[in-house]
């Protein structure tokens, strides 16, 4: 599990994948999200700009990101 400390109110999903190193670029992250490879709170998410807040969990390629 990756613990990510949020510095603001939210972070966009594609930026989170890049910030945690699970994607090399924001463009790549957007493509992966669009392909349905990312889950937010257990549901597939296809919107790269989805706002992620504290307490949510993001899953990608067997990794879980816990937003704090």
PDB file of N, CA and C in Angstrom:
ATOM      1  N   UNK A   1       0.844  -1.180   0.000  1.00  0.00           N
ATOM      2  CA  UNK A   1       0.000   0.000   0.000  1.00  0.00           C
ATOM      3  C   UNK A   1       0.888   1.241   0.000  1.00  0.00           C
ATOM      4  N   UNK A   2       0.495   2.193  -0.829  1.00  0.00           N
ATOM      5  CA  UNK A   2       1.186   3.474  -0.907  1.00  0.00           C
ATOM      6  C   UNK A   2       0.352   4.494  -0.136  1.00  0.00           C
ATOM      7  N   UNK A   3       0.969   5.209   0.769  1.00  0.00           N
ATOM      8  CA  UNK A   3       0.263   6.268   1.500  1.00  0.00           C
ATOM      9  C   UNK A   3       0.646   7.602   0.885  1.00  0.00           C
ATOM     10  N   UNK A   4      -0.363   8.351   0.456  1.00  0.00           N
ATOM     11  CA  UNK A   4      -0.135   9.645  -0.189  1.00  0.00           C
ATOM     12  C   UNK A   4      -0.733  10.737   0.668  1.00  0.00           C
ATOM     13  N   UNK A   5       0.117  11.672   1.105  1.00  0.00           N
ATOM     14  CA  UNK A   5      -0.345  12.792   1.925  1.00  0.00           C
ATOM     15  C   UNK A   5      -0.764  13.944   1.019  1.00  0.00           C
ATOM     16  N   UNK A   6      -2.024  14.258   1.046  1.00  0.00           N
ATOM     17  CA  UNK A   6      -2.602  15.301   0.213  1.00  0.00           C
ATOM     18  C   UNK A   6      -2.318  16.670   0.828  1.00  0.00           C
ATOM     19  N   UNK A   7      -1.811  17.600   0.021  1.00  0.00           N
ATOM     20  CA  UNK A   7      -1.470  18.934   0.522  1.00  0.00           C
ATOM     21  C   UNK A   7      -2.581  19.955   0.320  1.00  0.00           C
ATOM     22  N   UNK A   8      -3.575  19.632  -0.464  1.00  0.00           N
ATOM     23  CA  UNK A   8      -4.684  20.547  -0.720  1.00  0.00           C
ATOM     24  C   UNK A   8      -5.998  19.845  -0.456  1.00  0.00           C
ATOM     25  N   UNK A   9      -7.050  20.383  -1.038  1.00  0.00           N
ATOM     26  CA  UNK A   9      -8.377  19.797  -0.866  1.00  0.00           C
ATOM     27  C   UNK A   9      -8.536  18.503  -1.659  1.00  0.00           C
ATOM     28  N   UNK A  10      -7.898  18.465  -2.851  1.00  0.00           N
ATOM     29  CA  UNK A  10      -8.001  17.286  -3.716  1.00  0.00           C
ATOM     30  C   UNK A  10      -6.816  17.249  -4.677  1.00  0.00           C
ATOM     31  N   UNK A  11      -6.668  16.111  -5.379  1.00  0.00           N
ATOM     32  CA  UNK A  11      -5.710  15.967  -6.466  1.00  0.00           C
ATOM     33  C   UNK A  11      -6.441  15.238  -7.582  1.00  0.00           C
ATOM     34  N   UNK A  12      -6.161  15.637  -8.811  1.00  0.00           N
ATOM     35  CA  UNK A  12      -6.790  14.963  -9.937  1.00  0.00           C
ATOM     36  C   UNK A  12      -6.145  13.596 -10.113  1.00  0.00           C
ATOM     37  N   UNK A  13      -6.944  12.632 -10.551  1.00  0.00           N
ATOM     38  CA  UNK A  13      -6.511  11.241 -10.615  1.00  0.00           C
ATOM     39  C   UNK A  13      -5.240  11.053 -11.442  1.00  0.00           C
ATOM     40  N   UNK A  14      -5.171  11.655 -12.615  1.00  0.00           N
ATOM     41  CA  UNK A  14      -3.980  11.459 -13.449  1.00  0.00           C
ATOM     42  C   UNK A  14      -2.729  12.040 -12.790  1.00  0.00           C
ATOM     43  N   UNK A  15      -2.887  13.138 -12.062  1.00  0.00           N
ATOM     44  CA  UNK A  15      -1.756  13.739 -11.347  1.00  0.00           C
ATOM     45  C   UNK A  15      -1.306  12.848 -10.192  1.00  0.00           C
ATOM     46  N   UNK A  16      -2.253  12.162  -9.562  1.00  0.00           N
ATOM     47  CA  UNK A  16      -1.925  11.243  -8.469  1.00  0.00           C
ATOM     48  C   UNK A  16      -1.073  10.084  -8.972  1.00  0.00           C
ATOM     49  N   UNK A  17      -1.453   9.502 -10.106  1.00  0.00           N
ATOM     50  CA  UNK A  17      -0.670   8.388 -10.646  1.00  0.00           C
ATOM     51  C   UNK A  17       0.746   8.825 -10.980  1.00  0.00           C
ATOM     52  N   UNK A  18       0.890  10.021 -11.506  1.00  0.00           N
ATOM     53  CA  UNK A  18       2.220  10.539 -11.815  1.00  0.00           C
ATOM     54  C   UNK A  18       3.001  10.832 -10.532  1.00  0.00           C
ATOM     55  N   UNK A  19       2.351  11.459  -9.555  1.00  0.00           N
ATOM     56  CA  UNK A  19       3.015  11.829  -8.300  1.00  0.00           C
ATOM     57  C   UNK A  19       3.497  10.617  -7.511  1.00  0.00           C
ATOM     58  N   UNK A  20       2.797   9.500  -7.621  1.00  0.00           N
ATOM     59  CA  UNK A  20       3.179   8.297  -6.880  1.00  0.00           C
ATOM     60  C   UNK A  20       4.154   7.419  -7.665  1.00  0.00           C
ATOM     61  N   UNK A  21       4.456   7.825  -8.905  1.00  0.00           N
ATOM     62  CA  UNK A  21       5.403   7.061  -9.709  1.00  0.00           C
ATOM     63  C   UNK A  21       4.795   5.861 -10.408  1.00  0.00           C
ATOM     64  N   UNK A  22       3.477   5.718 -10.354  1.00  0.00           N
ATOM     65  CA  UNK A  22       2.833   4.582 -11.021  1.00  0.00           C
ATOM     66  C   UNK A  22       2.659   4.835 -12.515  1.00  0.00           C
ATOM     67  N   UNK A  23       2.875   6.069 -12.941  1.00  0.00           N
ATOM     68  CA  UNK A  23       2.842   6.442 -14.343  1.00  0.00           C
ATOM     69  C   UNK A  23       3.999   7.408 -14.582  1.00  0.00           C
ATOM     70  N   UNK A  24       4.652   7.294 -15.726  1.00  0.00           N
ATOM     71  CA  UNK A  24       5.794   8.158 -16.012  1.00  0.00           C
ATOM     72  C   UNK A  24       5.375   9.578 -16.357  1.00  0.00           C
ATOM     73  N   UNK A  25       4.240   9.718 -17.047  1.00  0.00           N
ATOM     74  CA  UNK A  25       3.777  11.042 -17.460  1.00  0.00           C
ATOM     75  C   UNK A  25       2.280  11.179 -17.209  1.00  0.00           C
ATOM     76  N   UNK A  26       1.810  12.413 -17.209  1.00  0.00           N
ATOM     77  CA  UNK A  26       0.384  12.644 -17.075  1.00  0.00           C
ATOM     78  C   UNK A  26      -0.393  12.118 -18.268  1.00  0.00           C
ATOM     79  N   UNK A  27       0.198  12.220 -19.458  1.00  0.00           N
ATOM     80  CA  UNK A  27      -0.451  11.700 -20.660  1.00  0.00           C
ATOM     81  C   UNK A  27      -0.632  10.193 -20.599  1.00  0.00           C
ATOM     82  N   UNK A  28       0.399   9.508 -20.149  1.00  0.00           N
ATOM     83  CA  UNK A  28       0.319   8.058 -20.002  1.00  0.00           C
ATOM     84  C   UNK A  28      -0.743   7.694 -18.962  1.00  0.00           C
ATOM     85  N   UNK A  29      -0.783   8.434 -17.876  1.00  0.00           N
ATOM     86  CA  UNK A  29      -1.772   8.188 -16.826  1.00  0.00           C
ATOM     87  C   UNK A  29      -3.178   8.339 -17.387  1.00  0.00           C
ATOM     88  N   UNK A  30      -3.401   9.390 -18.191  1.00  0.00           N
ATOM     89  CA  UNK A  30      -4.710   9.608 -18.795  1.00  0.00           C
ATOM     90  C   UNK A  30      -5.139   8.459 -19.681  1.00  0.00           C
ATOM     91  N   UNK A  31      -4.200   7.904 -20.441  1.00  0.00           N
ATOM     92  CA  UNK A  31      -4.503   6.759 -21.305  1.00  0.00           C
ATOM     93  C   UNK A  31      -4.868   5.531 -20.476  1.00  0.00           C
ATOM     94  N   UNK A  32      -4.118   5.271 -19.419  1.00  0.00           N
ATOM     95  CA  UNK A  32      -4.380   4.112 -18.569  1.00  0.00           C
ATOM     96  C   UNK A  32      -5.744   4.230 -17.898  1.00  0.00           C
ATOM     97  N   UNK A  33      -6.072   5.435 -17.458  1.00  0.00           N
ATOM     98  CA  UNK A  33      -7.372   5.668 -16.830  1.00  0.00           C
ATOM     99  C   UNK A  33      -8.480   5.452 -17.853  1.00  0.00           C
ATOM    100  N   UNK A  34      -8.305   5.994 -19.056  1.00  0.00           N
ATOM    101  CA  UNK A  34      -9.287   5.850 -20.122  1.00  0.00           C
ATOM    102  C   UNK A  34      -9.530   4.408 -20.532  1.00  0.00           C
ATOM    103  N   UNK A  35      -8.541   3.562 -20.344  1.00  0.00           N
ATOM    104  CA  UNK A  35      -8.667   2.137 -20.670  1.00  0.00           C
ATOM    105  C   UNK A  35      -9.383   1.357 -19.570  1.00  0.00           C
ATOM    106  N   UNK A  36      -9.746   2.025 -18.487  1.00  0.00           N
ATOM    107  CA  UNK A  36     -10.466   1.352 -17.408  1.00  0.00           C
ATOM    108  C   UNK A  36      -9.584   0.538 -16.491  1.00  0.00           C
ATOM    109  N   UNK A  37      -8.311   0.904 -16.384  1.00  0.00           N
ATOM    110  CA  UNK A  37      -7.364   0.131 -15.576  1.00  0.00           C
ATOM    111  C   UNK A  37      -7.223   0.645 -14.143  1.00  0.00           C
ATOM    112  N   UNK A  38      -7.952   1.699 -13.805  1.00  0.00           N
ATOM    113  CA  UNK A  38      -7.828   2.314 -12.486  1.00  0.00           C
ATOM    114  C   UNK A  38      -9.174   2.268 -11.767  1.00  0.00           C
ATOM    115  N   UNK A  39      -9.134   1.941 -10.483  1.00  0.00           N
ATOM    116  CA  UNK A  39     -10.355   1.934  -9.669  1.00  0.00           C
ATOM    117  C   UNK A  39     -10.243   2.977  -8.564  1.00  0.00           C
ATOM    118  N   UNK A  40     -11.358   3.628  -8.283  1.00  0.00           N
ATOM    119  CA  UNK A  40     -11.451   4.565  -7.163  1.00  0.00           C
ATOM    120  C   UNK A  40     -12.532   4.031  -6.237  1.00  0.00           C
ATOM    121  N   UNK A  41     -12.162   3.746  -5.002  1.00  0.00           N
ATOM    122  CA  UNK A  41     -13.090   3.182  -4.016  1.00  0.00           C
ATOM    123  C   UNK A  41     -13.795   1.942  -4.553  1.00  0.00           C
ATOM    124  N   UNK A  42     -13.052   1.105  -5.303  1.00  0.00           N
ATOM    125  CA  UNK A  42     -13.568  -0.165  -5.784  1.00  0.00           C
ATOM    126  C   UNK A  42     -14.297  -0.125  -7.117  1.00  0.00           C
ATOM    127  N   UNK A  43     -14.519   1.059  -7.673  1.00  0.00           N
ATOM    128  CA  UNK A  43     -15.234   1.190  -8.949  1.00  0.00           C
ATOM    129  C   UNK A  43     -14.284   1.681 -10.037  1.00  0.00           C
ATOM    130  N   UNK A  44     -14.416   1.124 -11.242  1.00  0.00           N
ATOM    131  CA  UNK A  44     -13.598   1.569 -12.368  1.00  0.00           C
ATOM    132  C   UNK A  44     -13.881   3.034 -12.650  1.00  0.00           C
ATOM    133  N   UNK A  45     -12.807   3.784 -12.822  1.00  0.00           N
ATOM    134  CA  UNK A  45     -12.926   5.221 -13.101  1.00  0.00           C
ATOM    135  C   UNK A  45     -12.249   5.528 -14.434  1.00  0.00           C
ATOM    136  N   UNK A  46     -12.964   6.189 -15.328  1.00  0.00           N
ATOM    137  CA  UNK A  46     -12.418   6.509 -16.652  1.00  0.00           C
ATOM    138  C   UNK A  46     -12.190   8.007 -16.859  1.00  0.00           C
ATOM    139  N   UNK A  47     -12.445   8.814 -15.849  1.00  0.00           N
ATOM    140  CA  UNK A  47     -12.245  10.269 -15.960  1.00  0.00           C
ATOM    141  C   UNK A  47     -10.890  10.638 -15.376  1.00  0.00           C
ATOM    142  N   UNK A  48      -9.985  11.122 -16.213  1.00  0.00           N
ATOM    143  CA  UNK A  48      -8.635  11.436 -15.725  1.00  0.00           C
ATOM    144  C   UNK A  48      -8.636  12.596 -14.745  1.00  0.00           C
ATOM    145  N   UNK A  49      -9.613  13.488 -14.860  1.00  0.00           N
ATOM    146  CA  UNK A  49      -9.677  14.651 -13.987  1.00  0.00           C
ATOM    147  C   UNK A  49     -10.481  14.444 -12.718  1.00  0.00           C
ATOM    148  N   UNK A  50     -10.858  13.202 -12.433  1.00  0.00           N
ATOM    149  CA  UNK A  50     -11.621  12.901 -11.223  1.00  0.00           C
ATOM    150  C   UNK A  50     -10.894  13.454 -10.004  1.00  0.00           C
ATOM    151  N   UNK A  51     -11.608  14.167  -9.165  1.00  0.00           N
ATOM    152  CA  UNK A  51     -11.019  14.750  -7.962  1.00  0.00           C
ATOM    153  C   UNK A  51     -10.944  13.685  -6.869  1.00  0.00           C
ATOM    154  N   UNK A  52      -9.750  13.474  -6.356  1.00  0.00           N
ATOM    155  CA  UNK A  52      -9.514  12.474  -5.322  1.00  0.00           C
ATOM    156  C   UNK A  52      -9.279  13.217  -4.001  1.00  0.00           C
ATOM    157  N   UNK A  53     -10.023  12.816  -2.972  1.00  0.00           N
ATOM    158  CA  UNK A  53      -9.984  13.479  -1.666  1.00  0.00           C
ATOM    159  C   UNK A  53      -9.434  12.538  -0.595  1.00  0.00           C
ATOM    160  N   UNK A  54      -9.125  13.108   0.557  1.00  0.00           N
ATOM    161  CA  UNK A  54      -8.655  12.305   1.704  1.00  0.00           C
ATOM    162  C   UNK A  54      -9.675  11.204   2.009  1.00  0.00           C
ATOM    163  N   UNK A  55      -9.161  10.049   2.391  1.00  0.00           N
ATOM    164  CA  UNK A  55     -10.022   8.940   2.768  1.00  0.00           C
ATOM    165  C   UNK A  55     -10.360   8.011   1.616  1.00  0.00           C
ATOM    166  N   UNK A  56     -10.059   8.414   0.387  1.00  0.00           N
ATOM    167  CA  UNK A  56     -10.354   7.553  -0.754  1.00  0.00           C
ATOM    168  C   UNK A  56      -9.201   6.600  -1.011  1.00  0.00           C
ATOM    169  N   UNK A  57      -9.503   5.532  -1.731  1.00  0.00           N
ATOM    170  CA  UNK A  57      -8.487   4.555  -2.102  1.00  0.00           C
ATOM    171  C   UNK A  57      -8.509   4.392  -3.617  1.00  0.00           C
ATOM    172  N   UNK A  58      -7.320   4.399  -4.210  1.00  0.00           N
ATOM    173  CA  UNK A  58      -7.164   4.238  -5.646  1.00  0.00           C
ATOM    174  C   UNK A  58      -6.379   2.962  -5.885  1.00  0.00           C
ATOM    175  N   UNK A  59      -6.849   2.129  -6.820  1.00  0.00           N
ATOM    176  CA  UNK A  59      -6.177   0.862  -7.129  1.00  0.00           C
ATOM    177  C   UNK A  59      -5.695   0.890  -8.570  1.00  0.00           C
ATOM    178  N   UNK A  60      -4.448   0.427  -8.762  1.00  0.00           N
ATOM    179  CA  UNK A  60      -3.872   0.367 -10.101  1.00  0.00           C
ATOM    180  C   UNK A  60      -2.761  -0.663 -10.118  1.00  0.00           C
ATOM    181  N   UNK A  61      -2.844  -1.621 -11.032  1.00  0.00           N
ATOM    182  CA  UNK A  61      -1.815  -2.659 -11.208  1.00  0.00           C
ATOM    183  C   UNK A  61      -1.398  -3.320  -9.901  1.00  0.00           C
ATOM    184  N   UNK A  62      -2.366  -3.681  -9.088  1.00  0.00           N
ATOM    185  CA  UNK A  62      -2.092  -4.387  -7.841  1.00  0.00           C
ATOM    186  C   UNK A  62      -1.654  -3.502  -6.683  1.00  0.00           C
ATOM    187  N   UNK A  63      -1.498  -2.220  -6.926  1.00  0.00           N
ATOM    188  CA  UNK A  63      -1.126  -1.278  -5.871  1.00  0.00           C
ATOM    189  C   UNK A  63      -2.363  -0.553  -5.386  1.00  0.00           C
ATOM    190  N   UNK A  64      -2.389  -0.262  -4.099  1.00  0.00           N
ATOM    191  CA  UNK A  64      -3.476   0.527  -3.515  1.00  0.00           C
ATOM    192  C   UNK A  64      -2.866   1.807  -2.953  1.00  0.00           C
ATOM    193  N   UNK A  65      -3.444   2.944  -3.342  1.00  0.00           N
ATOM    194  CA  UNK A  65      -2.990   4.236  -2.843  1.00  0.00           C
ATOM    195  C   UNK A  65      -4.007   4.716  -1.832  1.00  0.00           C
ATOM    196  N   UNK A  66      -3.549   4.937  -0.616  1.00  0.00           N
ATOM    197  CA  UNK A  66      -4.394   5.433   0.469  1.00  0.00           C
ATOM    198  C   UNK A  66      -4.168   6.938   0.569  1.00  0.00           C
ATOM    199  N   UNK A  67      -5.217   7.719   0.369  1.00  0.00           N
ATOM    200  CA  UNK A  67      -5.093   9.176   0.376  1.00  0.00           C
ATOM    201  C   UNK A  67      -5.304   9.692   1.794  1.00  0.00           C
ATOM    202  N   UNK A  68      -4.324  10.436   2.308  1.00  0.00           N
ATOM    203  CA  UNK A  68      -4.385  10.976   3.673  1.00  0.00           C
ATOM    204  C   UNK A  68      -4.329  12.479   3.669  1.00  0.00           C
TER     205      UNK A  68
END
